[in-house]
PDB file of N, CA and C in Angstrom:
ATOM      1  N   MET A   1     -13.153  -8.839   2.571  1.00  0.00           N
ATOM      2  CA  MET A   1     -13.097  -7.580   3.824  1.00  0.00           C
ATOM      3  C   MET A   1     -12.755  -6.894   3.163  1.00  0.00           C
ATOM      4  N   SER A   2     -13.666  -5.576   2.961  1.00  0.00           N
ATOM      5  CA  SER A   2     -13.104  -4.629   2.546  1.00  0.00           C
ATOM      6  C   SER A   2     -12.828  -3.541   3.103  1.00  0.00           C
ATOM      7  N   LYS A   3     -12.008  -2.606   2.577  1.00  0.00           N
ATOM      8  CA  LYS A   3     -11.353  -1.438   3.380  1.00  0.00           C
ATOM      9  C   LYS A   3     -11.622  -0.911   4.633  1.00  0.00           C
ATOM     10  N   ASP A   4     -12.495  -0.769   4.940  1.00  0.00           N
ATOM     11  CA  ASP A   4     -13.658  -0.485   6.508  1.00  0.00           C
ATOM     12  C   ASP A   4     -13.523  -1.530   7.279  1.00  0.00           C
ATOM     13  N   GLU A   5     -13.468  -2.841   6.792  1.00  0.00           N
ATOM     14  CA  GLU A   5     -13.484  -3.783   7.783  1.00  0.00           C
ATOM     15  C   GLU A   5     -11.739  -3.874   7.996  1.00  0.00           C
ATOM     16  N   ILE A   6     -10.576  -3.196   7.435  1.00  0.00           N
ATOM     17  CA  ILE A   6      -9.389  -3.247   7.840  1.00  0.00           C
ATOM     18  C   ILE A   6      -9.327  -2.134   8.524  1.00  0.00           C
ATOM     19  N   ILE A   7      -8.866  -0.610   7.659  1.00  0.00           N
ATOM     20  CA  ILE A   7      -8.325   0.136   8.111  1.00  0.00           C
ATOM     21  C   ILE A   7      -9.138   1.132   8.701  1.00  0.00           C
ATOM     22  N   LEU A   8      -9.668   1.861   9.993  1.00  0.00           N
ATOM     23  CA  LEU A   8      -9.803   2.998  10.622  1.00  0.00           C
ATOM     24  C   LEU A   8      -8.889   3.895  10.708  1.00  0.00           C
ATOM     25  N   ILE A   9      -9.459   5.201  10.332  1.00  0.00           N
ATOM     26  CA  ILE A   9      -8.704   6.855  10.366  1.00  0.00           C
ATOM     27  C   ILE A   9      -9.886   7.616  11.343  1.00  0.00           C
ATOM     28  N   ASP A  10      -9.066   7.729  12.609  1.00  0.00           N
ATOM     29  CA  ASP A  10     -10.368   8.467  13.229  1.00  0.00           C
ATOM     30  C   ASP A  10      -9.346   9.307  13.840  1.00  0.00           C
ATOM     31  N   PRO A  11      -9.501  10.673  13.516  1.00  0.00           N
ATOM     32  CA  PRO A  11      -9.037  11.639  14.444  1.00  0.00           C
ATOM     33  C   PRO A  11      -8.661  11.631  16.099  1.00  0.00           C
ATOM     34  N   ASP A  12      -9.315  10.485  16.705  1.00  0.00           N
ATOM     35  CA  ASP A  12      -9.274  10.421  18.450  1.00  0.00           C
ATOM     36  C   ASP A  12      -8.281   9.161  18.601  1.00  0.00           C
ATOM     37  N   VAL A  13      -7.652   8.555  17.264  1.00  0.00           N
ATOM     38  CA  VAL A  13      -7.120   7.193  17.219  1.00  0.00           C
ATOM     39  C   VAL A  13      -5.747   7.706  17.123  1.00  0.00           C
ATOM     40  N   GLN A  14      -4.917   7.690  17.672  1.00  0.00           N
ATOM     41  CA  GLN A  14      -3.607   7.401  17.264  1.00  0.00           C
ATOM     42  C   GLN A  14      -3.337   8.695  16.023  1.00  0.00           C
ATOM     43  N   HIS A  15      -3.552   9.724  16.560  1.00  0.00           N
ATOM     44  CA  HIS A  15      -3.904  11.247  16.447  1.00  0.00           C
ATOM     45  C   HIS A  15      -3.923  11.178  14.626  1.00  0.00           C
ATOM     46  N   GLY A  16      -5.029  10.146  13.965  1.00  0.00           N
ATOM     47  CA  GLY A  16      -5.141   9.932  13.293  1.00  0.00           C
ATOM     48  C   GLY A  16      -4.749   9.503  12.415  1.00  0.00           C
ATOM     49  N   LYS A  17      -3.769   8.657  12.658  1.00  0.00           N
ATOM     50  CA  LYS A  17      -2.611   8.069  11.269  1.00  0.00           C
ATOM     51  C   LYS A  17      -3.800   6.425  11.198  1.00  0.00           C
ATOM     52  N   PRO A  18      -3.588   5.542  10.096  1.00  0.00           N
ATOM     53  CA  PRO A  18      -4.466   4.556   9.937  1.00  0.00           C
ATOM     54  C   PRO A  18      -3.933   3.428  10.367  1.00  0.00           C
ATOM     55  N   VAL A  19      -4.867   2.987  10.720  1.00  0.00           N
ATOM     56  CA  VAL A  19      -4.986   1.436  11.740  1.00  0.00           C
ATOM     57  C   VAL A  19      -5.859   0.625  11.429  1.00  0.00           C
ATOM     58  N   PHE A  20      -5.262  -0.698  12.194  1.00  0.00           N
ATOM     59  CA  PHE A  20      -5.931  -2.045  11.718  1.00  0.00           C
ATOM     60  C   PHE A  20      -7.390  -1.181  12.693  1.00  0.00           C
ATOM     61  N   VAL A  21      -9.130  -1.549  12.116  1.00  0.00           N
ATOM     62  CA  VAL A  21     -10.013  -1.895  13.092  1.00  0.00           C
ATOM     63  C   VAL A  21      -9.982  -2.667  13.722  1.00  0.00           C
ATOM     64  N   GLY A  22     -10.203  -2.075  15.112  1.00  0.00           N
ATOM     65  CA  GLY A  22     -10.697  -2.570  16.277  1.00  0.00           C
ATOM     66  C   GLY A  22      -9.280  -2.870  16.958  1.00  0.00           C
ATOM     67  N   THR A  23      -8.632  -2.257  16.173  1.00  0.00           N
ATOM     68  CA  THR A  23      -6.865  -1.677  17.539  1.00  0.00           C
ATOM     69  C   THR A  23      -6.299  -0.375  17.196  1.00  0.00           C
ATOM     70  N   ARG A  24      -5.374  -0.353  18.238  1.00  0.00           N
ATOM     71  CA  ARG A  24      -4.690   0.941  17.957  1.00  0.00           C
ATOM     72  C   ARG A  24      -3.915   1.262  17.366  1.00  0.00           C
ATOM     73  N   VAL A  25      -3.503  -0.079  16.875  1.00  0.00           N
ATOM     74  CA  VAL A  25      -2.239  -0.327  15.720  1.00  0.00           C
ATOM     75  C   VAL A  25      -1.554   0.542  14.356  1.00  0.00           C
ATOM     76  N   PRO A  26      -1.199   1.161  14.320  1.00  0.00           N
ATOM     77  CA  PRO A  26      -1.098   1.689  13.344  1.00  0.00           C
ATOM     78  C   PRO A  26      -0.173   0.796  11.700  1.00  0.00           C
ATOM     79  N   ILE A  27      -1.294   0.917  10.816  1.00  0.00           N
ATOM     80  CA  ILE A  27      -0.540   0.435   9.506  1.00  0.00           C
ATOM     81  C   ILE A  27       0.459   0.282   9.166  1.00  0.00           C
ATOM     82  N   GLU A  28       1.551   1.627   9.377  1.00  0.00           N
ATOM     83  CA  GLU A  28       2.906   1.431   8.992  1.00  0.00           C
ATOM     84  C   GLU A  28       3.701   0.548   9.681  1.00  0.00           C
ATOM     85  N   ILE A  29       3.300  -0.120  10.572  1.00  0.00           N
ATOM     86  CA  ILE A  29       4.586  -0.606  11.520  1.00  0.00           C
ATOM     87  C   ILE A  29       4.026  -2.056  10.670  1.00  0.00           C
ATOM     88  N   LEU A  30       3.060  -2.655  10.257  1.00  0.00           N
ATOM     89  CA  LEU A  30       3.168  -4.008   9.799  1.00  0.00           C
ATOM     90  C   LEU A  30       4.406  -3.770   8.726  1.00  0.00           C
ATOM     91  N   PHE A  31       4.109  -2.426   7.394  1.00  0.00           N
ATOM     92  CA  PHE A  31       5.169  -2.247   6.261  1.00  0.00           C
ATOM     93  C   PHE A  31       6.702  -2.424   7.520  1.00  0.00           C
ATOM     94  N   ASP A  32       6.835  -1.631   8.506  1.00  0.00           N
ATOM     95  CA  ASP A  32       8.301  -1.821   8.869  1.00  0.00           C
ATOM     96  C   ASP A  32       8.768  -2.542   9.286  1.00  0.00           C
ATOM     97  N   TYR A  33       7.591  -3.728   9.951  1.00  0.00           N
ATOM     98  CA  TYR A  33       8.519  -5.372  10.371  1.00  0.00           C
ATOM     99  C   TYR A  33       8.694  -5.979   9.137  1.00  0.00           C
ATOM    100  N   LEU A  34       7.932  -5.664   7.753  1.00  0.00           N
ATOM    101  CA  LEU A  34       8.248  -7.022   6.356  1.00  0.00           C
ATOM    102  C   LEU A  34       9.120  -5.735   6.004  1.00  0.00           C
ATOM    103  N   GLU A  35       9.994  -4.515   6.642  1.00  0.00           N
ATOM    104  CA  GLU A  35      10.678  -4.152   5.678  1.00  0.00           C
ATOM    105  C   GLU A  35      12.018  -4.570   6.381  1.00  0.00           C
ATOM    106  N   THR A  36      11.992  -4.685   7.475  1.00  0.00           N
ATOM    107  CA  THR A  36      13.396  -5.293   7.942  1.00  0.00           C
ATOM    108  C   THR A  36      13.792  -6.498   8.011  1.00  0.00           C
ATOM    109  N   GLY A  37      12.140  -6.538   7.471  1.00  0.00           N
ATOM    110  CA  GLY A  37      12.908  -8.498   7.360  1.00  0.00           C
ATOM    111  C   GLY A  37      11.843  -9.826   8.535  1.00  0.00           C
ATOM    112  N   SER A  38      11.071  -8.883   8.862  1.00  0.00           N
ATOM    113  CA  SER A  38      10.685 -10.157   9.734  1.00  0.00           C
ATOM    114  C   SER A  38       9.303 -10.505   9.016  1.00  0.00           C
ATOM    115  N   THR A  39       9.300 -11.285  10.000  1.00  0.00           N
ATOM    116  CA  THR A  39       7.601 -12.590   9.345  1.00  0.00           C
ATOM    117  C   THR A  39       6.235 -11.409   9.825  1.00  0.00           C
ATOM    118  N   ILE A  40       5.326 -12.033   9.334  1.00  0.00           N
ATOM    119  CA  ILE A  40       3.936 -11.504   9.581  1.00  0.00           C
ATOM    120  C   ILE A  40       3.486 -12.175  10.835  1.00  0.00           C
ATOM    121  N   ASP A  41       4.121 -13.721  11.292  1.00  0.00           N
ATOM    122  CA  ASP A  41       4.157 -14.199  12.993  1.00  0.00           C
ATOM    123  C   ASP A  41       5.092 -13.587  13.985  1.00  0.00           C
ATOM    124  N   GLU A  42       5.792 -12.927  13.547  1.00  0.00           N
ATOM    125  CA  GLU A  42       6.890 -12.060  14.212  1.00  0.00           C
ATOM    126  C   GLU A  42       5.889 -11.247  14.910  1.00  0.00           C
ATOM    127  N   PHE A  43       5.351 -10.122  13.851  1.00  0.00           N
ATOM    128  CA  PHE A  43       4.143  -8.776  13.758  1.00  0.00           C
ATOM    129  C   PHE A  43       2.743  -9.612  14.820  1.00  0.00           C
ATOM    130  N   ARG A  44       2.584 -10.855  14.343  1.00  0.00           N
ATOM    131  CA  ARG A  44       1.338 -11.045  14.982  1.00  0.00           C
ATOM    132  C   ARG A  44       1.449 -11.614  16.202  1.00  0.00           C
ATOM    133  N   ALA A  45       2.312 -11.817  16.878  1.00  0.00           N
ATOM    134  CA  ALA A  45       3.281 -12.603  17.866  1.00  0.00           C
ATOM    135  C   ALA A  45       3.495 -10.797  19.135  1.00  0.00           C
ATOM    136  N   ASP A  46       3.787  -9.817  18.538  1.00  0.00           N
ATOM    137  CA  ASP A  46       3.775  -8.552  19.097  1.00  0.00           C
ATOM    138  C   ASP A  46       2.715  -7.888  19.113  1.00  0.00           C
ATOM    139  N   PHE A  47       1.719  -8.007  17.945  1.00  0.00           N
ATOM    140  CA  PHE A  47       0.636  -7.613  17.901  1.00  0.00           C
ATOM    141  C   PHE A  47      -1.099  -8.401  17.664  1.00  0.00           C
ATOM    142  N   PRO A  48      -1.170  -9.146  18.261  1.00  0.00           N
ATOM    143  CA  PRO A  48      -1.807 -10.186  18.829  1.00  0.00           C
ATOM    144  C   PRO A  48      -3.468 -10.141  18.392  1.00  0.00           C
ATOM    145  N   GLY A  49      -3.506  -8.402  18.715  1.00  0.00           N
ATOM    146  CA  GLY A  49      -5.414  -8.083  18.254  1.00  0.00           C
ATOM    147  C   GLY A  49      -5.249  -7.606  16.966  1.00  0.00           C
ATOM    148  N   VAL A  50      -4.171  -7.782  15.709  1.00  0.00           N
ATOM    149  CA  VAL A  50      -4.306  -7.639  14.293  1.00  0.00           C
ATOM    150  C   VAL A  50      -5.013  -9.107  14.288  1.00  0.00           C
ATOM    151  N   SER A  51      -5.533  -9.434  13.282  1.00  0.00           N
ATOM    152  CA  SER A  51      -5.878 -10.874  12.991  1.00  0.00           C
ATOM    153  C   SER A  51      -5.166 -11.322  11.568  1.00  0.00           C
ATOM    154  N   LEU A  52      -4.793 -12.494  11.327  1.00  0.00           N
ATOM    155  CA  LEU A  52      -3.911 -12.754  10.144  1.00  0.00           C
ATOM    156  C   LEU A  52      -5.040 -12.190   8.879  1.00  0.00           C
ATOM    157  N   ALA A  53      -6.588 -12.960   8.540  1.00  0.00           N
ATOM    158  CA  ALA A  53      -7.603 -11.781   7.602  1.00  0.00           C
ATOM    159  C   ALA A  53      -7.347 -10.606   7.574  1.00  0.00           C
ATOM    160  N   GLN A  54      -7.175  -9.953   8.778  1.00  0.00           N
ATOM    161  CA  GLN A  54      -6.800  -8.188   8.108  1.00  0.00           C
ATOM    162  C   GLN A  54      -5.586  -8.340   7.617  1.00  0.00           C
ATOM    163  N   ILE A  55      -4.865  -8.765   7.901  1.00  0.00           N
ATOM    164  CA  ILE A  55      -2.814  -8.443   7.649  1.00  0.00           C
ATOM    165  C   ILE A  55      -3.349  -9.535   6.025  1.00  0.00           C
ATOM    166  N   ILE A  56      -4.001 -10.253   5.275  1.00  0.00           N
ATOM    167  CA  ILE A  56      -3.611 -10.714   4.250  1.00  0.00           C
ATOM    168  C   ILE A  56      -4.521  -9.750   3.488  1.00  0.00           C
ATOM    169  N   ALA A  57      -5.740  -9.266   3.911  1.00  0.00           N
ATOM    170  CA  ALA A  57      -6.498  -8.566   2.948  1.00  0.00           C
ATOM    171  C   ALA A  57      -6.400  -6.987   3.228  1.00  0.00           C
ATOM    172  N   LEU A  58      -5.203  -6.063   4.011  1.00  0.00           N
ATOM    173  CA  LEU A  58      -4.551  -5.304   4.023  1.00  0.00           C
ATOM    174  C   LEU A  58      -3.555  -5.685   2.687  1.00  0.00           C
ATOM    175  N   LEU A  59      -2.747  -6.466   2.710  1.00  0.00           N
ATOM    176  CA  LEU A  59      -1.404  -6.544   1.936  1.00  0.00           C
ATOM    177  C   LEU A  59      -2.424  -6.894   0.620  1.00  0.00           C
ATOM    178  N   GLU A  60      -3.553  -7.633   0.442  1.00  0.00           N
ATOM    179  CA  GLU A  60      -4.287  -7.743  -1.421  1.00  0.00           C
ATOM    180  C   GLU A  60      -4.465  -6.245  -0.998  1.00  0.00           C
ATOM    181  N   LEU A  61      -5.283  -6.083  -0.495  1.00  0.00           N
ATOM    182  CA  LEU A  61      -5.342  -4.161  -1.086  1.00  0.00           C
ATOM    183  C   LEU A  61      -4.547  -3.629  -1.772  1.00  0.00           C
ATOM    184  N   SER A  62      -3.303  -3.416  -1.150  1.00  0.00           N
ATOM    185  CA  SER A  62      -1.977  -3.258  -1.330  1.00  0.00           C
ATOM    186  C   SER A  62      -1.554  -3.584  -2.777  1.00  0.00           C
ATOM    187  N   ARG A  63      -1.487  -4.823  -3.030  1.00  0.00           N
ATOM    188  CA  ARG A  63      -1.013  -5.112  -4.323  1.00  0.00           C
ATOM    189  C   ARG A  63      -1.848  -4.115  -4.930  1.00  0.00           C
ATOM    190  N   GLN A  64      -3.147  -4.560  -5.250  1.00  0.00           N
ATOM    191  CA  GLN A  64      -4.395  -3.959  -6.327  1.00  0.00           C
ATOM    192  C   GLN A  64      -3.890  -2.700  -5.644  1.00  0.00           C
ATOM    193  N   ARG A  65      -4.235  -1.903  -5.224  1.00  0.00           N
ATOM    194  CA  ARG A  65      -3.436  -0.259  -5.714  1.00  0.00           C
ATOM    195  C   ARG A  65      -2.208  -0.240  -6.344  1.00  0.00           C
ATOM    196  N   ALA A  66      -1.182  -0.867  -5.704  1.00  0.00           N
ATOM    197  CA  ALA A  66       0.051  -1.056  -6.590  1.00  0.00           C
ATOM    198  C   ALA A  66       0.108  -1.398  -8.524  1.00  0.00           C
ATOM    199  N   VAL A  67      -0.938  -2.501  -8.410  1.00  0.00           N
ATOM    200  CA  VAL A  67      -0.725  -2.919 -10.164  1.00  0.00           C
ATOM    201  C   VAL A  67      -1.827  -1.888 -10.473  1.00  0.00           C
ATOM    202  N   ALA A  68      -2.402  -1.405 -10.124  1.00  0.00           N
ATOM    203  CA  ALA A  68      -3.741  -0.693 -10.726  1.00  0.00           C
ATOM    204  C   ALA A  68      -3.244   0.815 -11.361  1.00  0.00           C
TER     205      ALA A  68
END
């Protein structure tokens, strides 16, 4: 999954904050959940519009950028 299939940055959506494509869910909320010990399943229960494939792809993209 490409970055453009995962992340949308549009000034008309959430004031330009990066969101998951097809949703208005800011990317940072996923990281907030994970930082506080919540699981991906808990995040998905609260934000069912975000697919598991998008979450996994975002985490993989983040890992690749972190180790590069």
